[in-house]
Amino acid sequence: MQKNVAKLGWVDVGDGYPTRIMAVLNLSPESFYKGSVALGDAVERALELEKHADILDVGAMSTAPYLETWIPPEKELERIRAVLPEIVKNVKVPVSVDTYRPQVAEYALKVGASVINDVTGGKLYPEMCRIVADHGASVVLMAREKEPQRGLQPIDRVMYALKESIDHFEKCGVEPNRIVVDPGIGFPLLPPRDEPYVVRGEYRHGDENWPWWKWDLHILANLQRLKALGKPILVGVSRKSFLRRITGVERPEEVLPASVAAEAIAALNGANVIRTHNPQETKQAARLAEAIRSIDRL
């Protein structure tokens, strides 16, 4: 059977490897989960997070689609410049930068980051692929549609969107074994331009048959189908709004139990990397999922 494997930085990910943990470190005070934000102590927080993580994902602009979090590229770059070189110098795990902007990615890779986590799948700035290719970097491509394909199941729409991004990056020269895919749980249709946007309402994917929270559940339940793309799968469900909708709690600080449960389900259903705000708890959940998944081979 084909194994879907790749490298995020120097870490091997995919089938046959443990579920890797990507810890979130935010430099953006507007991020939806304030517990992930490090202002003034970013290096110390990075060192704490890496104790339970395989990769560190640093972001300087929140992309939560239901909040007013947009900042101009200059501000995002300013935040990254202030701390990224020191983080890279002090941690021993690969550093990913969560950005879809080419100028931020270019700087980050020059100072030692080795992964770009692009929540637009390279579709807002197609030139992102050239920057990743030129630096021999790894990339996480998120499924984002420019236009809704109504009438299809969400997982089919996600697969098509990811295939578009994979084809673009591989044709651009990015090594196939440096690409990981993300089904984009919690993210709506791609905005047309890089400008302030907020998406609310029940039907964020342009199909009245699929409320946003039901869409997210469908993707989580059908992750295994993404294996057909031939790439490792990264999933980010940590403290996201669909969990709060289902459990009836209001604040991301209150939804840790459901968050860890969803991460275990993701690992059980085929996720190779889990992006999380709470790596210690997530790592335990992933180990349990791995044991269940492999019980007949033990």
C-alpha atoms as a PDB file:
ATOM      1  CA  MET A   1       0.000   0.000   0.000  1.00  0.00           C
ATOM      2  CA  GLN A   2       1.235   3.491  -0.818  1.00  0.00           C
ATOM      3  CA  LYS A   3       2.630   5.420   2.131  1.00  0.00           C
ATOM      4  CA  ASN A   4       1.933   9.125   2.289  1.00  0.00           C
ATOM      5  CA  VAL A   5       5.119  10.609   3.709  1.00  0.00           C
ATOM      6  CA  ALA A   6       6.833  13.985   3.670  1.00  0.00           C
ATOM      7  CA  LYS A   7       9.111  16.231   5.694  1.00  0.00           C
ATOM      8  CA  LEU A   8       8.154  19.292   7.686  1.00  0.00           C
ATOM      9  CA  GLY A   9      11.547  20.857   8.082  1.00  0.00           C
ATOM     10  CA  TRP A  10      13.695  17.893   9.090  1.00  0.00           C
ATOM     11  CA  VAL A  11      10.854  15.970  10.759  1.00  0.00           C
ATOM     12  CA  ASP A  12       9.441  12.963   8.905  1.00  0.00           C
ATOM     13  CA  VAL A  13       5.646  12.932   8.874  1.00  0.00           C
ATOM     14  CA  GLY A  14       3.070  10.586   7.427  1.00  0.00           C
ATOM     15  CA  ASP A  15       2.120   6.932   7.413  1.00  0.00           C
ATOM     16  CA  GLY A  16       4.482   4.791   9.463  1.00  0.00           C
ATOM     17  CA  TYR A  17       5.542   7.655  11.735  1.00  0.00           C
ATOM     18  CA  PRO A  18       4.030   8.768  15.040  1.00  0.00           C
ATOM     19  CA  THR A  19       1.352  11.421  14.873  1.00  0.00           C
ATOM     20  CA  ARG A  20       3.359  14.624  14.953  1.00  0.00           C
ATOM     21  CA  ILE A  21       2.353  17.522  17.181  1.00  0.00           C
ATOM     22  CA  MET A  22       2.525  21.078  15.843  1.00  0.00           C
ATOM     23  CA  ALA A  23       2.277  23.577  18.696  1.00  0.00           C
ATOM     24  CA  VAL A  24       0.769  27.019  18.098  1.00  0.00           C
ATOM     25  CA  LEU A  25       2.530  30.192  19.230  1.00  0.00           C
ATOM     26  CA  ASN A  26       0.730  33.417  18.352  1.00  0.00           C
ATOM     27  CA  LEU A  27       2.218  36.899  18.258  1.00  0.00           C
ATOM     28  CA  SER A  28      -1.189  38.392  17.501  1.00  0.00           C
ATOM     29  CA  PRO A  29      -3.152  39.831  20.439  1.00  0.00           C
ATOM     30  CA  GLU A  30      -6.349  39.556  18.372  1.00  0.00           C
ATOM     31  CA  SER A  31      -6.127  35.728  18.184  1.00  0.00           C
ATOM     32  CA  PHE A  32      -9.330  33.975  19.219  1.00  0.00           C
ATOM     33  CA  TYR A  33      -7.667  31.942  21.984  1.00  0.00           C
ATOM     34  CA  LYS A  34      -5.751  34.308  24.236  1.00  0.00           C
ATOM     35  CA  GLY A  35      -3.915  31.453  25.908  1.00  0.00           C
ATOM     36  CA  SER A  36      -1.898  30.968  22.715  1.00  0.00           C
ATOM     37  CA  VAL A  37      -0.651  34.566  22.577  1.00  0.00           C
ATOM     38  CA  ALA A  38       2.890  35.416  23.658  1.00  0.00           C
ATOM     39  CA  LEU A  39       3.656  39.114  23.989  1.00  0.00           C
ATOM     40  CA  GLY A  40       7.041  39.843  25.513  1.00  0.00           C
ATOM     41  CA  ASP A  41       7.840  36.242  26.418  1.00  0.00           C
ATOM     42  CA  ALA A  42       7.729  34.526  23.022  1.00  0.00           C
ATOM     43  CA  VAL A  43      11.069  32.728  23.348  1.00  0.00           C
ATOM     44  CA  GLU A  44      10.222  31.392  26.794  1.00  0.00           C
ATOM     45  CA  ARG A  45       6.835  30.197  25.571  1.00  0.00           C
ATOM     46  CA  ALA A  46       8.442  28.556  22.549  1.00  0.00           C
ATOM     47  CA  LEU A  47      10.824  26.623  24.773  1.00  0.00           C
ATOM     48  CA  GLU A  48       7.931  25.477  26.933  1.00  0.00           C
ATOM     49  CA  LEU A  49       5.823  24.377  23.960  1.00  0.00           C
ATOM     50  CA  GLU A  50       8.604  22.386  22.296  1.00  0.00           C
ATOM     51  CA  LYS A  51       8.805  20.040  25.285  1.00  0.00           C
ATOM     52  CA  HIS A  52       5.721  18.275  23.929  1.00  0.00           C
ATOM     53  CA  ALA A  53       5.869  19.229  20.228  1.00  0.00           C
ATOM     54  CA  ASP A  54       7.624  18.122  17.068  1.00  0.00           C
ATOM     55  CA  ILE A  55       7.108  21.398  15.197  1.00  0.00           C
ATOM     56  CA  LEU A  56       6.419  24.967  16.331  1.00  0.00           C
ATOM     57  CA  ASP A  57       3.972  27.088  14.281  1.00  0.00           C
ATOM     58  CA  VAL A  58       4.430  30.831  14.777  1.00  0.00           C
ATOM     59  CA  GLY A  59       1.751  33.237  13.576  1.00  0.00           C
ATOM     60  CA  ALA A  60       1.628  37.033  13.633  1.00  0.00           C
ATOM     61  CA  MET A  61      -1.859  37.579  12.207  1.00  0.00           C
ATOM     62  CA  SER A  62      -4.960  35.707  13.291  1.00  0.00           C
ATOM     63  CA  THR A  63      -6.970  34.240  10.417  1.00  0.00           C
ATOM     64  CA  ALA A  64     -10.081  33.380  12.455  1.00  0.00           C
ATOM     65  CA  PRO A  65     -12.684  34.129   9.758  1.00  0.00           C
ATOM     66  CA  TYR A  66     -15.483  35.194  12.109  1.00  0.00           C
ATOM     67  CA  LEU A  67     -13.477  37.923  13.905  1.00  0.00           C
ATOM     68  CA  GLU A  68     -12.029  41.263  12.842  1.00  0.00           C
ATOM     69  CA  THR A  69      -8.382  40.216  12.934  1.00  0.00           C
ATOM     70  CA  TRP A  70      -6.910  41.460   9.631  1.00  0.00           C
ATOM     71  CA  ILE A  71      -3.759  43.560   9.801  1.00  0.00           C
ATOM     72  CA  PRO A  72      -1.661  44.962   6.922  1.00  0.00           C
ATOM     73  CA  PRO A  73       1.375  42.986   5.712  1.00  0.00           C
ATOM     74  CA  GLU A  74       3.766  45.546   7.170  1.00  0.00           C
ATOM     75  CA  LYS A  75       2.392  44.991  10.655  1.00  0.00           C
ATOM     76  CA  GLU A  76       2.550  41.211  10.330  1.00  0.00           C
ATOM     77  CA  LEU A  77       6.161  41.428   9.158  1.00  0.00           C
ATOM     78  CA  GLU A  78       7.041  43.791  11.988  1.00  0.00           C
ATOM     79  CA  ARG A  79       5.755  41.311  14.561  1.00  0.00           C
ATOM     80  CA  ILE A  80       7.656  38.428  12.959  1.00  0.00           C
ATOM     81  CA  ARG A  81      10.899  40.406  12.728  1.00  0.00           C
ATOM     82  CA  ALA A  82      10.750  41.267  16.405  1.00  0.00           C
ATOM     83  CA  VAL A  83      11.001  37.687  17.702  1.00  0.00           C
ATOM     84  CA  LEU A  84      11.392  35.023  15.010  1.00  0.00           C
ATOM     85  CA  PRO A  85      15.218  35.099  14.778  1.00  0.00           C
ATOM     86  CA  GLU A  86      15.498  34.500  18.529  1.00  0.00           C
ATOM     87  CA  ILE A  87      12.909  31.723  18.474  1.00  0.00           C
ATOM     88  CA  VAL A  88      14.695  29.920  15.631  1.00  0.00           C
ATOM     89  CA  LYS A  89      18.032  30.279  17.430  1.00  0.00           C
ATOM     90  CA  ASN A  90      16.749  28.822  20.693  1.00  0.00           C
ATOM     91  CA  VAL A  91      14.420  25.941  19.806  1.00  0.00           C
ATOM     92  CA  LYS A  92      15.507  22.533  18.545  1.00  0.00           C
ATOM     93  CA  VAL A  93      12.364  21.695  16.547  1.00  0.00           C
ATOM     94  CA  PRO A  94      11.545  22.980  13.057  1.00  0.00           C
ATOM     95  CA  VAL A  95       9.813  26.354  13.013  1.00  0.00           C
ATOM     96  CA  SER A  96       6.800  26.879  10.777  1.00  0.00           C
ATOM     97  CA  VAL A  97       5.406  30.339  10.052  1.00  0.00           C
ATOM     98  CA  ASP A  98       1.658  30.668   9.644  1.00  0.00           C
ATOM     99  CA  THR A  99       1.342  33.194   6.809  1.00  0.00           C
ATOM    100  CA  TYR A 100      -0.091  33.469   3.324  1.00  0.00           C
ATOM    101  CA  ARG A 101       1.892  36.589   2.438  1.00  0.00           C
ATOM    102  CA  PRO A 102       4.998  36.154   0.270  1.00  0.00           C
ATOM    103  CA  GLN A 103       7.032  38.937   1.879  1.00  0.00           C
ATOM    104  CA  VAL A 104       6.520  37.463   5.343  1.00  0.00           C
ATOM    105  CA  ALA A 105       7.359  33.962   4.125  1.00  0.00           C
ATOM    106  CA  GLU A 106      10.500  35.208   2.372  1.00  0.00           C
ATOM    107  CA  TYR A 107      11.795  36.851   5.530  1.00  0.00           C
ATOM    108  CA  ALA A 108      10.881  33.897   7.744  1.00  0.00           C
ATOM    109  CA  LEU A 109      12.702  31.378   5.566  1.00  0.00           C
ATOM    110  CA  LYS A 110      15.761  33.614   5.319  1.00  0.00           C
ATOM    111  CA  VAL A 111      16.130  33.764   9.096  1.00  0.00           C
ATOM    112  CA  GLY A 112      15.753  30.024   9.641  1.00  0.00           C
ATOM    113  CA  ALA A 113      12.121  28.927   9.508  1.00  0.00           C
ATOM    114  CA  SER A 114      11.753  25.781   7.425  1.00  0.00           C
ATOM    115  CA  VAL A 115       7.966  25.475   6.912  1.00  0.00           C
ATOM    116  CA  ILE A 116       5.308  27.829   5.576  1.00  0.00           C
ATOM    117  CA  ASN A 117       1.743  27.172   6.711  1.00  0.00           C
ATOM    118  CA  ASP A 118      -0.436  28.843   4.051  1.00  0.00           C
ATOM    119  CA  VAL A 119      -4.127  28.942   4.992  1.00  0.00           C
ATOM    120  CA  THR A 120      -5.053  30.008   1.453  1.00  0.00           C
ATOM    121  CA  GLY A 121      -3.406  26.997  -0.189  1.00  0.00           C
ATOM    122  CA  GLY A 122      -1.314  29.430  -2.237  1.00  0.00           C
ATOM    123  CA  LYS A 123      -4.410  30.740  -3.984  1.00  0.00           C
ATOM    124  CA  LEU A 124      -4.434  34.320  -2.711  1.00  0.00           C
ATOM    125  CA  TYR A 125      -0.790  34.854  -3.657  1.00  0.00           C
ATOM    126  CA  PRO A 126       0.177  32.242  -6.275  1.00  0.00           C
ATOM    127  CA  GLU A 127       3.798  33.447  -6.155  1.00  0.00           C
ATOM    128  CA  MET A 128       4.121  31.868  -2.712  1.00  0.00           C
ATOM    129  CA  CYS A 129       5.088  28.619  -4.410  1.00  0.00           C
ATOM    130  CA  ARG A 130       8.226  30.168  -5.897  1.00  0.00           C
ATOM    131  CA  ILE A 131       9.422  31.368  -2.499  1.00  0.00           C
ATOM    132  CA  VAL A 132       8.903  27.926  -0.968  1.00  0.00           C
ATOM    133  CA  ALA A 133      10.634  26.259  -3.918  1.00  0.00           C
ATOM    134  CA  ASP A 134      13.602  28.644  -3.956  1.00  0.00           C
ATOM    135  CA  HIS A 135      14.316  27.974  -0.274  1.00  0.00           C
ATOM    136  CA  GLY A 136      13.769  24.205  -0.470  1.00  0.00           C
ATOM    137  CA  ALA A 137      11.204  24.644   2.271  1.00  0.00           C
ATOM    138  CA  SER A 138       8.221  22.575   3.337  1.00  0.00           C
ATOM    139  CA  VAL A 139       4.661  23.830   3.001  1.00  0.00           C
ATOM    140  CA  VAL A 140       1.278  23.087   4.521  1.00  0.00           C
ATOM    141  CA  LEU A 141      -1.483  23.740   1.994  1.00  0.00           C
ATOM    142  CA  MET A 142      -4.981  24.344   3.279  1.00  0.00           C
ATOM    143  CA  ALA A 143      -8.066  23.509   1.227  1.00  0.00           C
ATOM    144  CA  ARG A 144      -9.721  26.750   0.123  1.00  0.00           C
ATOM    145  CA  GLU A 145     -12.274  27.239  -2.632  1.00  0.00           C
ATOM    146  CA  LYS A 146     -12.630  30.455  -4.596  1.00  0.00           C
ATOM    147  CA  GLU A 147     -16.123  29.444  -5.684  1.00  0.00           C
ATOM    148  CA  PRO A 148     -18.465  26.888  -4.105  1.00  0.00           C
ATOM    149  CA  GLN A 149     -19.076  23.620  -5.922  1.00  0.00           C
ATOM    150  CA  ARG A 150     -22.651  23.168  -4.816  1.00  0.00           C
ATOM    151  CA  GLY A 151     -24.171  19.711  -4.815  1.00  0.00           C
ATOM    152  CA  LEU A 152     -20.969  17.880  -3.919  1.00  0.00           C
ATOM    153  CA  GLN A 153     -20.126  16.369  -0.557  1.00  0.00           C
ATOM    154  CA  PRO A 154     -17.786  18.565   1.527  1.00  0.00           C
ATOM    155  CA  ILE A 155     -14.982  15.997   1.453  1.00  0.00           C
ATOM    156  CA  ASP A 156     -15.099  15.935  -2.358  1.00  0.00           C
ATOM    157  CA  ARG A 157     -14.905  19.717  -2.487  1.00  0.00           C
ATOM    158  CA  VAL A 158     -11.964  19.669  -0.094  1.00  0.00           C
ATOM    159  CA  MET A 159     -10.138  17.065  -2.177  1.00  0.00           C
ATOM    160  CA  TYR A 160     -10.613  19.077  -5.350  1.00  0.00           C
ATOM    161  CA  ALA A 161      -9.399  22.282  -3.702  1.00  0.00           C
ATOM    162  CA  LEU A 162      -6.319  20.540  -2.327  1.00  0.00           C
ATOM    163  CA  LYS A 163      -5.535  18.931  -5.680  1.00  0.00           C
ATOM    164  CA  GLU A 164      -5.480  22.408  -7.261  1.00  0.00           C
ATOM    165  CA  SER A 165      -2.974  23.635  -4.691  1.00  0.00           C
ATOM    166  CA  ILE A 166      -0.793  20.529  -4.876  1.00  0.00           C
ATOM    167  CA  ASP A 167      -0.596  20.710  -8.669  1.00  0.00           C
ATOM    168  CA  HIS A 168       0.318  24.399  -8.570  1.00  0.00           C
ATOM    169  CA  PHE A 169       3.109  23.962  -6.032  1.00  0.00           C
ATOM    170  CA  GLU A 170       4.593  20.869  -7.650  1.00  0.00           C
ATOM    171  CA  LYS A 171       4.616  22.480 -11.102  1.00  0.00           C
ATOM    172  CA  CYS A 172       6.302  25.481  -9.504  1.00  0.00           C
ATOM    173  CA  GLY A 173       9.184  23.332  -8.296  1.00  0.00           C
ATOM    174  CA  VAL A 174       8.314  22.511  -4.694  1.00  0.00           C
ATOM    175  CA  GLU A 175       9.502  18.998  -3.879  1.00  0.00           C
ATOM    176  CA  PRO A 176       6.505  16.627  -3.670  1.00  0.00           C
ATOM    177  CA  ASN A 177       7.820  15.205  -0.391  1.00  0.00           C
ATOM    178  CA  ARG A 178       7.754  18.669   1.187  1.00  0.00           C
ATOM    179  CA  ILE A 179       3.984  19.132   0.856  1.00  0.00           C
ATOM    180  CA  VAL A 180       1.438  18.396   3.605  1.00  0.00           C
ATOM    181  CA  VAL A 181      -2.288  19.062   3.223  1.00  0.00           C
ATOM    182  CA  ASP A 182      -4.815  20.558   5.634  1.00  0.00           C
ATOM    183  CA  PRO A 183      -8.586  20.135   5.039  1.00  0.00           C
ATOM    184  CA  GLY A 184      -9.261  23.596   6.497  1.00  0.00           C
ATOM    185  CA  ILE A 185     -11.680  22.786   9.290  1.00  0.00           C
ATOM    186  CA  GLY A 186     -13.240  26.046  10.429  1.00  0.00           C
ATOM    187  CA  PHE A 187     -12.368  28.014   7.289  1.00  0.00           C
ATOM    188  CA  PRO A 188     -14.927  29.335   4.762  1.00  0.00           C
ATOM    189  CA  LEU A 189     -14.625  30.189   1.078  1.00  0.00           C
ATOM    190  CA  LEU A 190     -11.491  32.120   0.152  1.00  0.00           C
ATOM    191  CA  PRO A 191     -11.926  35.907   0.154  1.00  0.00           C
ATOM    192  CA  PRO A 192     -11.273  37.530  -3.242  1.00  0.00           C
ATOM    193  CA  ARG A 193      -8.537  39.869  -1.976  1.00  0.00           C
ATOM    194  CA  ASP A 194      -6.161  40.385   0.909  1.00  0.00           C
ATOM    195  CA  GLU A 195      -8.250  42.870   2.831  1.00  0.00           C
ATOM    196  CA  PRO A 196     -10.373  42.952   5.995  1.00  0.00           C
ATOM    197  CA  TYR A 197     -13.125  40.359   5.919  1.00  0.00           C
ATOM    198  CA  VAL A 198     -15.435  38.690   8.410  1.00  0.00           C
ATOM    199  CA  VAL A 199     -17.594  35.694   7.555  1.00  0.00           C
ATOM    200  CA  ARG A 200     -20.620  34.893   9.658  1.00  0.00           C
ATOM    201  CA  GLY A 201     -23.913  33.082   9.147  1.00  0.00           C
ATOM    202  CA  GLU A 202     -24.796  29.414   8.825  1.00  0.00           C
ATOM    203  CA  TYR A 203     -23.707  28.740   5.239  1.00  0.00           C
ATOM    204  CA  ARG A 204     -20.085  29.787   4.980  1.00  0.00           C
ATOM    205  CA  HIS A 205     -19.331  27.354   2.150  1.00  0.00           C
ATOM    206  CA  GLY A 206     -22.040  28.586  -0.195  1.00  0.00           C
ATOM    207  CA  ASP A 207     -24.332  25.568   0.093  1.00  0.00           C
ATOM    208  CA  GLU A 208     -27.581  25.717   2.076  1.00  0.00           C
ATOM    209  CA  ASN A 209     -27.362  21.955   2.649  1.00  0.00           C
ATOM    210  CA  TRP A 210     -24.190  22.340   4.690  1.00  0.00           C
ATOM    211  CA  PRO A 211     -24.156  24.652   7.716  1.00  0.00           C
ATOM    212  CA  TRP A 212     -20.577  25.464   8.664  1.00  0.00           C
ATOM    213  CA  TRP A 213     -20.501  23.281  11.788  1.00  0.00           C
ATOM    214  CA  LYS A 214     -22.003  20.295   9.980  1.00  0.00           C
ATOM    215  CA  TRP A 215     -19.400  20.754   7.226  1.00  0.00           C
ATOM    216  CA  ASP A 216     -16.605  20.543   9.817  1.00  0.00           C
ATOM    217  CA  LEU A 217     -18.024  17.368  11.337  1.00  0.00           C
ATOM    218  CA  HIS A 218     -18.293  15.757   7.895  1.00  0.00           C
ATOM    219  CA  ILE A 219     -14.652  16.519   7.125  1.00  0.00           C
ATOM    220  CA  LEU A 220     -13.465  15.146  10.447  1.00  0.00           C
ATOM    221  CA  ALA A 221     -15.479  11.948   9.925  1.00  0.00           C
ATOM    222  CA  ASN A 222     -14.146  11.433   6.381  1.00  0.00           C
ATOM    223  CA  LEU A 223     -10.470  12.349   6.761  1.00  0.00           C
ATOM    224  CA  GLN A 224      -9.326   8.945   5.562  1.00  0.00           C
ATOM    225  CA  ARG A 225     -10.475   9.756   2.038  1.00  0.00           C
ATOM    226  CA  LEU A 226      -7.830  12.470   1.779  1.00  0.00           C
ATOM    227  CA  LYS A 227      -5.178   9.738   1.727  1.00  0.00           C
ATOM    228  CA  ALA A 228      -5.939   9.392  -1.984  1.00  0.00           C
ATOM    229  CA  LEU A 229      -4.065  12.675  -2.540  1.00  0.00           C
ATOM    230  CA  GLY A 230      -0.781  10.980  -1.641  1.00  0.00           C
ATOM    231  CA  LYS A 231       0.190  13.555   1.005  1.00  0.00           C
ATOM    232  CA  PRO A 232       0.311  13.501   4.803  1.00  0.00           C
ATOM    233  CA  ILE A 233      -2.670  15.164   6.465  1.00  0.00           C
ATOM    234  CA  LEU A 234      -2.466  17.965   9.018  1.00  0.00           C
ATOM    235  CA  VAL A 235      -5.566  18.786  11.033  1.00  0.00           C
ATOM    236  CA  GLY A 236      -6.242  21.812  13.208  1.00  0.00           C
ATOM    237  CA  VAL A 237      -9.368  21.556  15.361  1.00  0.00           C
ATOM    238  CA  SER A 238      -7.962  22.982  18.577  1.00  0.00           C
ATOM    239  CA  ARG A 239     -10.642  24.921  20.481  1.00  0.00           C
ATOM    240  CA  LYS A 240     -12.453  25.806  17.239  1.00  0.00           C
ATOM    241  CA  SER A 241     -15.936  27.229  17.056  1.00  0.00           C
ATOM    242  CA  PHE A 242     -17.703  24.096  15.765  1.00  0.00           C
ATOM    243  CA  LEU A 243     -16.742  22.384  19.022  1.00  0.00           C
ATOM    244  CA  ARG A 244     -18.235  25.223  21.012  1.00  0.00           C
ATOM    245  CA  ARG A 245     -21.393  25.097  18.898  1.00  0.00           C
ATOM    246  CA  ILE A 246     -21.852  21.389  19.517  1.00  0.00           C
ATOM    247  CA  THR A 247     -21.019  21.408  23.226  1.00  0.00           C
ATOM    248  CA  GLY A 248     -22.924  24.582  24.029  1.00  0.00           C
ATOM    249  CA  VAL A 249     -20.048  26.499  25.593  1.00  0.00           C
ATOM    250  CA  GLU A 250     -19.207  30.051  24.628  1.00  0.00           C
ATOM    251  CA  ARG A 251     -15.500  30.542  25.211  1.00  0.00           C
ATOM    252  CA  PRO A 252     -12.508  28.686  23.716  1.00  0.00           C
ATOM    253  CA  GLU A 253     -11.081  28.439  27.221  1.00  0.00           C
ATOM    254  CA  GLU A 254     -13.999  26.150  28.142  1.00  0.00           C
ATOM    255  CA  VAL A 255     -13.764  23.595  25.353  1.00  0.00           C
ATOM    256  CA  LEU A 256     -10.498  21.763  26.050  1.00  0.00           C
ATOM    257  CA  PRO A 257     -12.155  18.346  26.653  1.00  0.00           C
ATOM    258  CA  ALA A 258     -14.001  18.402  23.314  1.00  0.00           C
ATOM    259  CA  SER A 259     -10.928  19.791  21.622  1.00  0.00           C
ATOM    260  CA  VAL A 260      -8.714  16.923  22.766  1.00  0.00           C
ATOM    261  CA  ALA A 261     -11.443  14.418  21.893  1.00  0.00           C
ATOM    262  CA  ALA A 262     -11.666  15.836  18.364  1.00  0.00           C
ATOM    263  CA  GLU A 263      -7.886  15.620  18.030  1.00  0.00           C
ATOM    264  CA  ALA A 264      -7.946  11.962  19.052  1.00  0.00           C
ATOM    265  CA  ILE A 265     -10.677  11.316  16.486  1.00  0.00           C
ATOM    266  CA  ALA A 266      -8.625  13.097  13.836  1.00  0.00           C
ATOM    267  CA  ALA A 267      -5.596  10.923  14.599  1.00  0.00           C
ATOM    268  CA  LEU A 268      -7.759   7.796  14.608  1.00  0.00           C
ATOM    269  CA  ASN A 269      -9.192   8.778  11.204  1.00  0.00           C
ATOM    270  CA  GLY A 270      -5.818   9.297   9.565  1.00  0.00           C
ATOM    271  CA  ALA A 271      -4.372  12.678  10.541  1.00  0.00           C
ATOM    272  CA  ASN A 272      -0.575  12.558  10.535  1.00  0.00           C
ATOM    273  CA  VAL A 273      -0.015  15.956  12.154  1.00  0.00           C
ATOM    274  CA  ILE A 274      -2.185  17.717  14.740  1.00  0.00           C
ATOM    275  CA  ARG A 275      -1.877  21.496  15.076  1.00  0.00           C
ATOM    276  CA  THR A 276      -2.827  22.462  18.603  1.00  0.00           C
ATOM    277  CA  HIS A 277      -2.772  25.092  21.322  1.00  0.00           C
ATOM    278  CA  ASN A 278      -2.228  22.441  24.019  1.00  0.00           C
ATOM    279  CA  PRO A 279       0.512  20.045  22.877  1.00  0.00           C
ATOM    280  CA  GLN A 280       0.879  18.115  26.128  1.00  0.00           C
ATOM    281  CA  GLU A 281      -2.765  16.998  26.216  1.00  0.00           C
ATOM    282  CA  THR A 282      -2.867  16.486  22.456  1.00  0.00           C
ATOM    283  CA  LYS A 283       0.191  14.268  22.469  1.00  0.00           C
ATOM    284  CA  GLN A 284      -1.451  11.920  24.978  1.00  0.00           C
ATOM    285  CA  ALA A 285      -4.629  11.799  22.895  1.00  0.00           C
ATOM    286  CA  ALA A 286      -2.638  11.031  19.752  1.00  0.00           C
ATOM    287  CA  ARG A 287      -0.750   8.188  21.427  1.00  0.00           C
ATOM    288  CA  LEU A 288      -4.051   6.624  22.470  1.00  0.00           C
ATOM    289  CA  ALA A 289      -5.458   6.945  18.938  1.00  0.00           C
ATOM    290  CA  GLU A 290      -2.323   5.327  17.509  1.00  0.00           C
ATOM    291  CA  ALA A 291      -2.598   2.408  19.909  1.00  0.00           C
ATOM    292  CA  ILE A 292      -6.237   1.816  18.954  1.00  0.00           C
ATOM    293  CA  ARG A 293      -5.442   2.109  15.259  1.00  0.00           C
ATOM    294  CA  SER A 294      -2.650  -0.449  15.462  1.00  0.00           C
ATOM    295  CA  ILE A 295      -4.055  -2.866  18.034  1.00  0.00           C
ATOM    296  CA  ASP A 296      -4.452  -5.737  15.543  1.00  0.00           C
ATOM    297  CA  ARG A 297      -0.781  -5.407  14.557  1.00  0.00           C
ATOM    298  CA  LEU A 298       0.592  -5.469  18.126  1.00  0.00           C
END
